[in-house]
Amino acid sequence: MKADVTEEIDRLKAHVAAARALLQEGEPVGRRLDFLAQEFNREANTLASKANHAGLTRVALELKAVIDQMREQVQNVQ
């Protein structure tokens, strides 16, 4: 039985849109981006736990690596 990850994908898309909007604000957004990175990580963890397919597991792990890179960069953003 396949796990439905539609909800996680939808939330990830919403988080991406929110991050893009924050980056266009032109004011300090570091804390809010850090919060979004936590939300990205939460969704990636859920994807990885629901994965019944090696490809989805690989994507979730790659996503987690990118999120870690994002968090490192966010710490340099005011």
Protein backbone atom coordinates (compact mmCIF):
# COMPACT_ATOMS: atom_id res chain seq x y z
CA MET A 1 0.00 0.00 0.00
CA LYS A 2 1.36 3.39 -1.00
CA ALA A 3 1.47 6.21 1.51
CA ASP A 4 -0.24 9.39 0.37
CA VAL A 5 2.22 12.26 0.60
CA THR A 6 0.04 14.83 -1.19
CA GLU A 7 -0.52 16.81 2.00
CA GLU A 8 3.23 17.06 2.70
CA ILE A 9 3.94 18.11 -0.89
CA ASP A 10 1.23 20.79 -0.68
CA ARG A 11 2.67 22.12 2.57
CA LEU A 12 6.19 22.15 1.11
CA LYS A 13 4.91 24.18 -1.85
CA ALA A 14 3.26 26.63 0.56
CA HIS A 15 6.50 26.94 2.54
CA VAL A 16 8.46 27.63 -0.66
CA ALA A 17 5.99 30.37 -1.59
CA ALA A 18 6.26 31.86 1.90
CA ALA A 19 10.08 31.80 1.76
CA ARG A 20 10.07 33.54 -1.63
CA ALA A 21 7.71 36.20 -0.30
CA LEU A 22 9.94 36.77 2.73
CA LEU A 23 13.03 37.15 0.57
CA GLN A 24 11.30 39.85 -1.45
CA GLU A 25 10.34 41.92 1.60
CA GLY A 26 13.64 43.74 1.81
CA GLU A 27 13.70 43.76 5.60
CA PRO A 28 15.24 41.46 8.22
CA VAL A 29 13.73 37.99 7.80
CA GLY A 30 16.33 35.67 9.31
CA ARG A 31 14.21 34.43 12.21
CA ARG A 32 11.19 33.84 10.01
CA LEU A 33 13.30 31.97 7.45
CA ASP A 34 14.74 29.86 10.24
CA PHE A 35 11.20 29.01 11.35
CA LEU A 36 10.31 28.05 7.77
CA ALA A 37 13.41 25.85 7.60
CA GLN A 38 12.10 24.01 10.68
CA GLU A 39 8.78 23.53 8.90
CA PHE A 40 10.56 22.28 5.76
CA ASN A 41 12.45 19.82 7.93
CA ARG A 42 9.25 18.60 9.57
CA GLU A 43 7.70 17.87 6.17
CA ALA A 44 10.86 16.17 4.90
CA ASN A 45 10.89 13.94 7.98
CA THR A 46 7.27 12.99 7.38
CA LEU A 47 8.00 12.23 3.73
CA ALA A 48 10.91 10.01 4.73
CA SER A 49 8.82 8.16 7.31
CA LYS A 50 5.96 7.58 4.85
CA ALA A 51 8.23 6.50 2.01
CA ASN A 52 7.52 3.01 0.73
CA HIS A 53 9.76 3.54 -2.26
CA ALA A 54 13.54 3.89 -2.42
CA GLY A 55 13.26 6.86 -4.79
CA LEU A 56 11.04 8.80 -2.41
CA THR A 57 13.34 8.02 0.50
CA ARG A 58 16.31 9.31 -1.52
CA VAL A 59 14.44 12.52 -2.42
CA ALA A 60 13.46 13.08 1.23
CA LEU A 61 17.08 12.64 2.35
CA GLU A 62 18.34 14.99 -0.36
CA LEU A 63 15.71 17.52 0.71
CA LYS A 64 16.92 17.28 4.30
CA ALA A 65 20.49 18.01 3.15
CA VAL A 66 19.32 21.09 1.22
CA ILE A 67 17.31 22.25 4.24
CA ASP A 68 20.44 21.98 6.39
CA GLN A 69 22.30 24.13 3.85
CA MET A 70 19.43 26.62 3.90
CA ARG A 71 19.55 26.82 7.70
CA GLU A 72 23.29 27.52 7.57
CA GLN A 73 22.69 30.34 5.08
CA VAL A 74 19.74 31.73 7.06
CA GLN A 75 22.02 32.23 10.03
CA ASN A 76 23.94 34.74 7.90
CA VAL A 77 20.76 36.65 6.99
CA GLN A 78 19.60 39.47 9.21
